Each structure stands twice: as C-alpha cells, then as structure tokens.
Amino acid sequence: MTFILIAQMLVGLLLGATILLQSRGTGLGSTWGGGGGSYHTKRGAERLLFMATIILSVLFVILSLLNTIV
C-alpha cells in the first residue's frame, strides 16, 4: 500500500509539472475571441509533453483505483 501511495504522489507531481509546462494561450483564450482561425499541429517537444500528460493522467487514475481497492 505504501508503494502505491508513493507512486501516486510522484505521478501526481510529474502530471502537474507537465500540465504547467505546456504552452500558454491554447486553452480558453479562443472562447472569448482571443484565438486565430489557424490549425496548429503538435511537433517535437510539444507533442512529447502532450503524450506524457496523457500517459501520466491515465497512470494516475489507475493508481488511484488501485489505492482505493487495496
């Protein structure tokens, strides 16, 4: 149980870091007319950060479920 809790805390910290490192201005800015009409594809480090965020979030959910079961 302690291993799962420590792993969940580490994954949570890494998930927070990847979310904060993503580029600013791509979220709700376009809702109020702040965004342009261009299509933007993710490349290089931006794509790696995006995929790491998805993987870490899935891992965090799995660890949370394991923590509640055990």
Protein backbone atom coordinates (compact mmCIF):
# COMPACT_ATOMS: atom_id res chain seq x y z
CA MET A 1 0.00 0.00 0.00
CA THR A 2 2.82 2.42 0.78
CA PHE A 3 4.40 1.79 -2.63
CA ILE A 4 1.15 2.64 -4.42
CA LEU A 5 0.74 5.83 -2.39
CA ILE A 6 4.31 6.98 -3.06
CA ALA A 7 3.96 6.14 -6.77
CA GLN A 8 0.69 8.09 -6.90
CA MET A 9 2.31 11.13 -5.31
CA LEU A 10 5.24 11.02 -7.74
CA VAL A 11 2.96 10.63 -10.74
CA GLY A 12 0.80 13.49 -9.44
CA LEU A 13 3.80 15.78 -9.16
CA LEU A 14 5.01 14.84 -12.65
CA LEU A 15 1.50 15.33 -14.04
CA GLY A 16 1.29 18.79 -12.50
CA ALA A 17 4.68 19.68 -13.96
CA THR A 18 3.73 18.53 -17.46
CA ILE A 19 0.48 20.48 -17.33
CA LEU A 20 2.29 23.65 -16.22
CA LEU A 21 4.98 23.27 -18.88
CA GLN A 22 2.52 23.16 -21.78
CA SER A 23 2.26 26.28 -23.94
CA ARG A 24 0.10 29.06 -22.64
CA GLY A 25 -2.75 30.66 -24.54
CA THR A 26 -4.07 27.45 -26.09
CA GLY A 27 -6.85 26.84 -23.57
CA LEU A 28 -9.90 29.01 -23.12
CA GLY A 29 -8.41 32.02 -24.89
CA SER A 30 -10.18 31.22 -28.13
CA THR A 31 -13.54 31.13 -26.34
CA TRP A 32 -13.63 34.90 -25.99
CA GLY A 33 -12.21 35.68 -29.39
CA GLY A 34 -8.54 35.54 -28.49
CA GLY A 35 -7.55 32.71 -30.80
CA GLY A 36 -6.94 32.79 -34.51
CA GLY A 37 -8.53 30.52 -37.05
CA SER A 38 -5.37 28.61 -37.92
CA TYR A 39 -4.86 24.90 -37.38
CA HIS A 40 -1.85 24.02 -35.24
CA THR A 41 -0.22 20.57 -35.15
CA LYS A 42 1.95 19.45 -32.29
CA ARG A 43 5.58 18.67 -33.13
CA GLY A 44 8.74 17.78 -31.28
CA ALA A 45 8.88 18.61 -27.60
CA GLU A 46 5.29 19.90 -27.58
CA ARG A 47 3.99 16.55 -28.81
CA LEU A 48 6.18 14.65 -26.32
CA LEU A 49 4.85 16.79 -23.48
CA PHE A 50 1.27 16.26 -24.67
CA MET A 51 1.68 12.48 -24.84
CA ALA A 52 3.42 12.42 -21.45
CA THR A 53 0.47 14.31 -19.95
CA ILE A 54 -2.00 11.76 -21.31
CA ILE A 55 0.07 8.78 -20.15
CA LEU A 56 0.63 10.26 -16.68
CA SER A 57 -3.06 11.07 -16.27
CA VAL A 58 -4.09 7.51 -17.18
CA LEU A 59 -1.43 6.15 -14.82
CA PHE A 60 -2.67 8.46 -12.06
CA VAL A 61 -6.24 7.21 -12.47
CA ILE A 62 -5.09 3.57 -12.41
CA LEU A 63 -3.02 4.17 -9.27
CA SER A 64 -5.96 5.94 -7.63
CA LEU A 65 -8.24 2.99 -8.34
CA LEU A 66 -5.63 0.55 -7.05
CA ASN A 67 -5.22 2.64 -3.93
CA THR A 68 -8.95 2.51 -3.20
CA ILE A 69 -9.19 -1.23 -3.88
CA VAL A 70 -6.20 -2.18 -1.72
